[in-house]
């Protein structure tokens, strides 16, 4: 286990701190899920978007709806 991985006890503490107390049998699963999410987000943070500007917004409902794939 790396130093960055969340232990089941830490997962329980953070959940309780957020007002979401966990049953003891869920601590390990929540810690593993949090570690997985962290690893995915870490990869996304490494992406270089260069000069790509963020979108100014999504215009839902405008234009034609086309479900063609």
PDB file of N, CA and C in Angstrom:
ATOM      1  N   UNK A   1       0.846  -1.172   0.000  1.00  0.00           N
ATOM      2  CA  UNK A   1       0.000   0.000   0.000  1.00  0.00           C
ATOM      3  C   UNK A   1       0.894   1.238   0.000  1.00  0.00           C
ATOM      4  N   UNK A   2       0.640   2.156  -0.918  1.00  0.00           N
ATOM      5  CA  UNK A   2       1.433   3.378  -0.969  1.00  0.00           C
ATOM      6  C   UNK A   2       0.955   4.342   0.108  1.00  0.00           C
ATOM      7  N   UNK A   3       1.773   5.348   0.380  1.00  0.00           N
ATOM      8  CA  UNK A   3       1.427   6.336   1.404  1.00  0.00           C
ATOM      9  C   UNK A   3       0.177   7.119   1.019  1.00  0.00           C
ATOM     10  N   UNK A   4      -0.122   7.185  -0.273  1.00  0.00           N
ATOM     11  CA  UNK A   4      -1.260   7.970  -0.741  1.00  0.00           C
ATOM     12  C   UNK A   4      -2.580   7.210  -0.656  1.00  0.00           C
ATOM     13  N   UNK A   5      -2.535   5.896  -0.465  1.00  0.00           N
ATOM     14  CA  UNK A   5      -3.773   5.124  -0.425  1.00  0.00           C
ATOM     15  C   UNK A   5      -4.535   5.372   0.866  1.00  0.00           C
ATOM     16  N   UNK A   6      -5.829   5.389   0.755  1.00  0.00           N
ATOM     17  CA  UNK A   6      -6.721   5.619   1.882  1.00  0.00           C
ATOM     18  C   UNK A   6      -6.965   4.301   2.605  1.00  0.00           C
ATOM     19  N   UNK A   7      -6.776   4.298   3.898  1.00  0.00           N
ATOM     20  CA  UNK A   7      -7.048   3.087   4.667  1.00  0.00           C
ATOM     21  C   UNK A   7      -8.539   3.026   4.990  1.00  0.00           C
ATOM     22  N   UNK A   8      -9.044   1.840   5.298  1.00  0.00           N
ATOM     23  CA  UNK A   8     -10.453   1.737   5.681  1.00  0.00           C
ATOM     24  C   UNK A   8     -10.810   2.627   6.877  1.00  0.00           C
ATOM     25  N   UNK A   9      -9.918   2.722   7.858  1.00  0.00           N
ATOM     26  CA  UNK A   9     -10.192   3.567   9.023  1.00  0.00           C
ATOM     27  C   UNK A   9     -10.253   5.044   8.620  1.00  0.00           C
ATOM     28  N   UNK A  10      -9.347   5.472   7.744  1.00  0.00           N
ATOM     29  CA  UNK A  10      -9.381   6.861   7.263  1.00  0.00           C
ATOM     30  C   UNK A  10     -10.657   7.135   6.470  1.00  0.00           C
ATOM     31  N   UNK A  11     -11.075   6.175   5.661  1.00  0.00           N
ATOM     32  CA  UNK A  11     -12.313   6.342   4.900  1.00  0.00           C
ATOM     33  C   UNK A  11     -13.492   6.532   5.843  1.00  0.00           C
ATOM     34  N   UNK A  12     -13.530   5.758   6.908  1.00  0.00           N
ATOM     35  CA  UNK A  12     -14.606   5.876   7.896  1.00  0.00           C
ATOM     36  C   UNK A  12     -14.563   7.246   8.574  1.00  0.00           C
ATOM     37  N   UNK A  13     -13.365   7.708   8.906  1.00  0.00           N
ATOM     38  CA  UNK A  13     -13.230   9.026   9.560  1.00  0.00           C
ATOM     39  C   UNK A  13     -13.685  10.150   8.642  1.00  0.00           C
ATOM     40  N   UNK A  14     -13.243  10.102   7.373  1.00  0.00           N
ATOM     41  CA  UNK A  14     -13.634  11.160   6.429  1.00  0.00           C
ATOM     42  C   UNK A  14     -15.130  11.132   6.152  1.00  0.00           C
ATOM     43  N   UNK A  15     -15.684   9.949   6.046  1.00  0.00           N
ATOM     44  CA  UNK A  15     -17.135   9.844   5.825  1.00  0.00           C
ATOM     45  C   UNK A  15     -17.893  10.412   7.023  1.00  0.00           C
ATOM     46  N   UNK A  16     -17.473  10.059   8.226  1.00  0.00           N
ATOM     47  CA  UNK A  16     -18.127  10.578   9.427  1.00  0.00           C
ATOM     48  C   UNK A  16     -17.984  12.092   9.499  1.00  0.00           C
ATOM     49  N   UNK A  17     -16.817  12.589   9.123  1.00  0.00           N
ATOM     50  CA  UNK A  17     -16.590  14.036   9.136  1.00  0.00           C
ATOM     51  C   UNK A  17     -17.535  14.753   8.170  1.00  0.00           C
ATOM     52  N   UNK A  18     -17.867  14.082   7.062  1.00  0.00           N
ATOM     53  CA  UNK A  18     -18.778  14.647   6.068  1.00  0.00           C
ATOM     54  C   UNK A  18     -20.245  14.403   6.434  1.00  0.00           C
ATOM     55  N   UNK A  19     -20.473  13.775   7.585  1.00  0.00           N
ATOM     56  CA  UNK A  19     -21.841  13.513   8.014  1.00  0.00           C
ATOM     57  C   UNK A  19     -22.427  12.257   7.409  1.00  0.00           C
ATOM     58  N   UNK A  20     -21.571  11.367   6.935  1.00  0.00           N
ATOM     59  CA  UNK A  20     -22.019  10.122   6.313  1.00  0.00           C
ATOM     60  C   UNK A  20     -21.424   8.919   7.044  1.00  0.00           C
ATOM     61  N   UNK A  21     -21.897   8.614   8.222  1.00  0.00           N
ATOM     62  CA  UNK A  21     -21.330   7.485   8.958  1.00  0.00           C
ATOM     63  C   UNK A  21     -21.499   6.178   8.176  1.00  0.00           C
ATOM     64  N   UNK A  22     -20.442   5.375   8.166  1.00  0.00           N
ATOM     65  CA  UNK A  22     -20.449   4.113   7.419  1.00  0.00           C
ATOM     66  C   UNK A  22     -20.516   2.920   8.363  1.00  0.00           C
ATOM     67  N   UNK A  23     -21.280   1.903   7.986  1.00  0.00           N
ATOM     68  CA  UNK A  23     -21.217   0.653   8.747  1.00  0.00           C
ATOM     69  C   UNK A  23     -19.812   0.063   8.602  1.00  0.00           C
ATOM     70  N   UNK A  24     -19.338  -0.613   9.608  1.00  0.00           N
ATOM     71  CA  UNK A  24     -17.979  -1.165   9.624  1.00  0.00           C
ATOM     72  C   UNK A  24     -17.690  -2.053   8.418  1.00  0.00           C
ATOM     73  N   UNK A  25     -18.697  -2.776   7.934  1.00  0.00           N
ATOM     74  CA  UNK A  25     -18.458  -3.681   6.812  1.00  0.00           C
ATOM     75  C   UNK A  25     -18.291  -2.941   5.473  1.00  0.00           C
ATOM     76  N   UNK A  26     -18.472  -1.634   5.435  1.00  0.00           N
ATOM     77  CA  UNK A  26     -18.332  -0.842   4.198  1.00  0.00           C
ATOM     78  C   UNK A  26     -17.019  -0.076   4.140  1.00  0.00           C
ATOM     79  N   UNK A  27     -16.268   0.001   5.235  1.00  0.00           N
ATOM     80  CA  UNK A  27     -15.047   0.803   5.280  1.00  0.00           C
ATOM     81  C   UNK A  27     -14.052   0.425   4.179  1.00  0.00           C
ATOM     82  N   UNK A  28     -13.764  -0.844   4.035  1.00  0.00           N
ATOM     83  CA  UNK A  28     -12.772  -1.286   3.050  1.00  0.00           C
ATOM     84  C   UNK A  28     -13.237  -1.001   1.621  1.00  0.00           C
ATOM     85  N   UNK A  29     -14.503  -1.242   1.336  1.00  0.00           N
ATOM     86  CA  UNK A  29     -15.025  -1.011  -0.015  1.00  0.00           C
ATOM     87  C   UNK A  29     -14.985   0.477  -0.373  1.00  0.00           C
ATOM     88  N   UNK A  30     -15.341   1.324   0.591  1.00  0.00           N
ATOM     89  CA  UNK A  30     -15.324   2.765   0.343  1.00  0.00           C
ATOM     90  C   UNK A  30     -13.885   3.244   0.137  1.00  0.00           C
ATOM     91  N   UNK A  31     -12.955   2.742   0.930  1.00  0.00           N
ATOM     92  CA  UNK A  31     -11.547   3.117   0.762  1.00  0.00           C
ATOM     93  C   UNK A  31     -11.032   2.692  -0.612  1.00  0.00           C
ATOM     94  N   UNK A  32     -11.363   1.482  -1.045  1.00  0.00           N
ATOM     95  CA  UNK A  32     -10.918   1.005  -2.357  1.00  0.00           C
ATOM     96  C   UNK A  32     -11.531   1.827  -3.481  1.00  0.00           C
ATOM     97  N   UNK A  33     -12.792   2.178  -3.358  1.00  0.00           N
ATOM     98  CA  UNK A  33     -13.453   2.994  -4.377  1.00  0.00           C
ATOM     99  C   UNK A  33     -12.838   4.384  -4.435  1.00  0.00           C
ATOM    100  N   UNK A  34     -12.581   4.984  -3.282  1.00  0.00           N
ATOM    101  CA  UNK A  34     -11.950   6.304  -3.247  1.00  0.00           C
ATOM    102  C   UNK A  34     -10.564   6.265  -3.866  1.00  0.00           C
ATOM    103  N   UNK A  35      -9.802   5.215  -3.599  1.00  0.00           N
ATOM    104  CA  UNK A  35      -8.469   5.078  -4.201  1.00  0.00           C
ATOM    105  C   UNK A  35      -8.562   4.959  -5.717  1.00  0.00           C
ATOM    106  N   UNK A  36      -9.541   4.211  -6.198  1.00  0.00           N
ATOM    107  CA  UNK A  36      -9.716   4.060  -7.639  1.00  0.00           C
ATOM    108  C   UNK A  36     -10.062   5.403  -8.286  1.00  0.00           C
ATOM    109  N   UNK A  37     -10.993   6.125  -7.689  1.00  0.00           N
ATOM    110  CA  UNK A  37     -11.371   7.433  -8.220  1.00  0.00           C
ATOM    111  C   UNK A  37     -10.166   8.359  -8.221  1.00  0.00           C
ATOM    112  N   UNK A  38      -9.387   8.342  -7.157  1.00  0.00           N
ATOM    113  CA  UNK A  38      -8.183   9.179  -7.079  1.00  0.00           C
ATOM    114  C   UNK A  38      -7.200   8.833  -8.191  1.00  0.00           C
ATOM    115  N   UNK A  39      -7.023   7.546  -8.474  1.00  0.00           N
ATOM    116  CA  UNK A  39      -6.076   7.153  -9.532  1.00  0.00           C
ATOM    117  C   UNK A  39      -6.555   7.617 -10.903  1.00  0.00           C
ATOM    118  N   UNK A  40      -7.853   7.578 -11.162  1.00  0.00           N
ATOM    119  CA  UNK A  40      -8.396   8.046 -12.445  1.00  0.00           C
ATOM    120  C   UNK A  40      -8.235   9.556 -12.570  1.00  0.00           C
ATOM    121  N   UNK A  41      -8.568  10.281 -11.516  1.00  0.00           N
ATOM    122  CA  UNK A  41      -8.444  11.738 -11.542  1.00  0.00           C
ATOM    123  C   UNK A  41      -6.982  12.144 -11.700  1.00  0.00           C
ATOM    124  N   UNK A  42      -6.064  11.409 -11.090  1.00  0.00           N
ATOM    125  CA  UNK A  42      -4.638  11.713 -11.216  1.00  0.00           C
ATOM    126  C   UNK A  42      -4.187  11.629 -12.666  1.00  0.00           C
ATOM    127  N   UNK A  43      -4.672  10.640 -13.392  1.00  0.00           N
ATOM    128  CA  UNK A  43      -4.336  10.498 -14.813  1.00  0.00           C
ATOM    129  C   UNK A  43      -4.906  11.671 -15.604  1.00  0.00           C
ATOM    130  N   UNK A  44      -6.131  12.055 -15.304  1.00  0.00           N
ATOM    131  CA  UNK A  44      -6.757  13.180 -16.012  1.00  0.00           C
ATOM    132  C   UNK A  44      -6.007  14.480 -15.770  1.00  0.00           C
ATOM    133  N   UNK A  45      -5.473  14.652 -14.574  1.00  0.00           N
ATOM    134  CA  UNK A  45      -4.724  15.870 -14.252  1.00  0.00           C
ATOM    135  C   UNK A  45      -3.437  15.973 -15.046  1.00  0.00           C
ATOM    136  N   UNK A  46      -2.919  14.851 -15.535  1.00  0.00           N
ATOM    137  CA  UNK A  46      -1.678  14.853 -16.297  1.00  0.00           C
ATOM    138  C   UNK A  46      -1.882  15.237 -17.758  1.00  0.00           C
ATOM    139  N   UNK A  47      -3.125  15.286 -18.220  1.00  0.00           N
ATOM    140  CA  UNK A  47      -3.392  15.614 -19.619  1.00  0.00           C
ATOM    141  C   UNK A  47      -3.020  17.058 -19.905  1.00  0.00           C
ATOM    142  N   UNK A  48      -2.386  17.263 -21.050  1.00  0.00           N
ATOM    143  CA  UNK A  48      -1.990  18.605 -21.467  1.00  0.00           C
ATOM    144  C   UNK A  48      -2.999  19.104 -22.492  1.00  0.00           C
ATOM    145  N   UNK A  49      -3.768  20.091 -22.108  1.00  0.00           N
ATOM    146  CA  UNK A  49      -4.755  20.653 -23.012  1.00  0.00           C
ATOM    147  C   UNK A  49      -4.211  21.849 -23.771  1.00  0.00           C
ATOM    148  N   UNK A  50      -2.963  22.207 -23.520  1.00  0.00           N
ATOM    149  CA  UNK A  50      -2.318  23.278 -24.266  1.00  0.00           C
ATOM    150  C   UNK A  50      -3.117  24.561 -24.255  1.00  0.00           C
ATOM    151  N   UNK A  51      -3.442  25.023 -25.438  1.00  0.00           N
ATOM    152  CA  UNK A  51      -4.154  26.283 -25.597  1.00  0.00           C
ATOM    153  C   UNK A  51      -5.672  26.100 -25.644  1.00  0.00           C
ATOM    154  N   UNK A  52      -6.158  24.918 -25.298  1.00  0.00           N
ATOM    155  CA  UNK A  52      -7.598  24.655 -25.329  1.00  0.00           C
ATOM    156  C   UNK A  52      -8.289  25.474 -24.247  1.00  0.00           C
ATOM    157  N   UNK A  53      -9.249  26.266 -24.651  1.00  0.00           N
ATOM    158  CA  UNK A  53      -9.989  27.092 -23.702  1.00  0.00           C
ATOM    159  C   UNK A  53     -11.183  26.316 -23.167  1.00  0.00           C
ATOM    160  N   UNK A  54     -11.564  26.563 -21.940  1.00  0.00           N
ATOM    161  CA  UNK A  54     -12.747  25.888 -21.410  1.00  0.00           C
ATOM    162  C   UNK A  54     -14.002  26.339 -22.156  1.00  0.00           C
ATOM    163  N   UNK A  55     -14.986  25.493 -22.167  1.00  0.00           N
ATOM    164  CA  UNK A  55     -16.236  25.835 -22.826  1.00  0.00           C
ATOM    165  C   UNK A  55     -16.924  26.983 -22.097  1.00  0.00           C
ATOM    166  N   UNK A  56     -17.684  27.759 -22.829  1.00  0.00           N
ATOM    167  CA  UNK A  56     -18.393  28.878 -22.208  1.00  0.00           C
ATOM    168  C   UNK A  56     -19.771  28.468 -21.719  1.00  0.00           C
ATOM    169  N   UNK A  57     -20.142  27.252 -21.994  1.00  0.00           N
ATOM    170  CA  UNK A  57     -21.434  26.767 -21.513  1.00  0.00           C
ATOM    171  C   UNK A  57     -22.043  25.798 -22.487  1.00  0.00           C
ATOM    172  N   UNK A  58     -22.966  25.035 -21.976  1.00  0.00           N
ATOM    173  CA  UNK A  58     -23.660  24.049 -22.799  1.00  0.00           C
ATOM    174  C   UNK A  58     -25.033  24.607 -23.129  1.00  0.00           C
ATOM    175  N   UNK A  59     -25.391  24.589 -24.385  1.00  0.00           N
ATOM    176  CA  UNK A  59     -26.673  25.134 -24.827  1.00  0.00           C
ATOM    177  C   UNK A  59     -27.649  23.999 -25.083  1.00  0.00           C
ATOM    178  N   UNK A  60     -28.139  23.434 -24.006  1.00  0.00           N
ATOM    179  CA  UNK A  60     -29.052  22.303 -24.078  1.00  0.00           C
ATOM    180  C   UNK A  60     -30.373  22.725 -24.734  1.00  0.00           C
ATOM    181  N   UNK A  61     -30.837  21.916 -25.663  1.00  0.00           N
ATOM    182  CA  UNK A  61     -32.130  22.167 -26.284  1.00  0.00           C
ATOM    183  C   UNK A  61     -32.067  22.978 -27.543  1.00  0.00           C
ATOM    184  N   UNK A  62     -30.918  23.450 -27.916  1.00  0.00           N
ATOM    185  CA  UNK A  62     -30.798  24.223 -29.132  1.00  0.00           C
ATOM    186  C   UNK A  62     -30.420  23.305 -30.294  1.00  0.00           C
ATOM    187  N   UNK A  63     -30.896  23.608 -31.447  1.00  0.00           N
ATOM    188  CA  UNK A  63     -30.569  22.817 -32.625  1.00  0.00           C
ATOM    189  C   UNK A  63     -31.458  21.593 -32.733  1.00  0.00           C
ATOM    190  N   UNK A  64     -31.157  20.770 -33.722  1.00  0.00           N
ATOM    191  CA  UNK A  64     -31.960  19.565 -33.956  1.00  0.00           C
ATOM    192  C   UNK A  64     -31.478  18.431 -33.079  1.00  0.00           C
ATOM    193  N   UNK A  65     -32.424  17.628 -32.677  1.00  0.00           N
ATOM    194  CA  UNK A  65     -32.080  16.414 -31.949  1.00  0.00           C
ATOM    195  C   UNK A  65     -31.907  15.295 -32.954  1.00  0.00           C
ATOM    196  N   UNK A  66     -30.771  14.647 -32.941  1.00  0.00           N
ATOM    197  CA  UNK A  66     -30.488  13.579 -33.895  1.00  0.00           C
ATOM    198  C   UNK A  66     -29.804  12.451 -33.133  1.00  0.00           C
ATOM    199  N   UNK A  67     -30.454  11.315 -33.045  1.00  0.00           N
ATOM    200  CA  UNK A  67     -29.904  10.182 -32.320  1.00  0.00           C
ATOM    201  C   UNK A  67     -29.102   9.254 -33.218  1.00  0.00           C
ATOM    202  N   UNK A  68     -28.780   9.709 -34.416  1.00  0.00           N
ATOM    203  CA  UNK A  68     -28.013   8.869 -35.331  1.00  0.00           C
ATOM    204  C   UNK A  68     -26.611   8.645 -34.797  1.00  0.00           C
ATOM    205  N   UNK A  69     -26.165   7.405 -34.875  1.00  0.00           N
ATOM    206  CA  UNK A  69     -24.819   7.079 -34.426  1.00  0.00           C
ATOM    207  C   UNK A  69     -23.940   6.897 -35.627  1.00  0.00           C
TER     208      UNK A  69
END
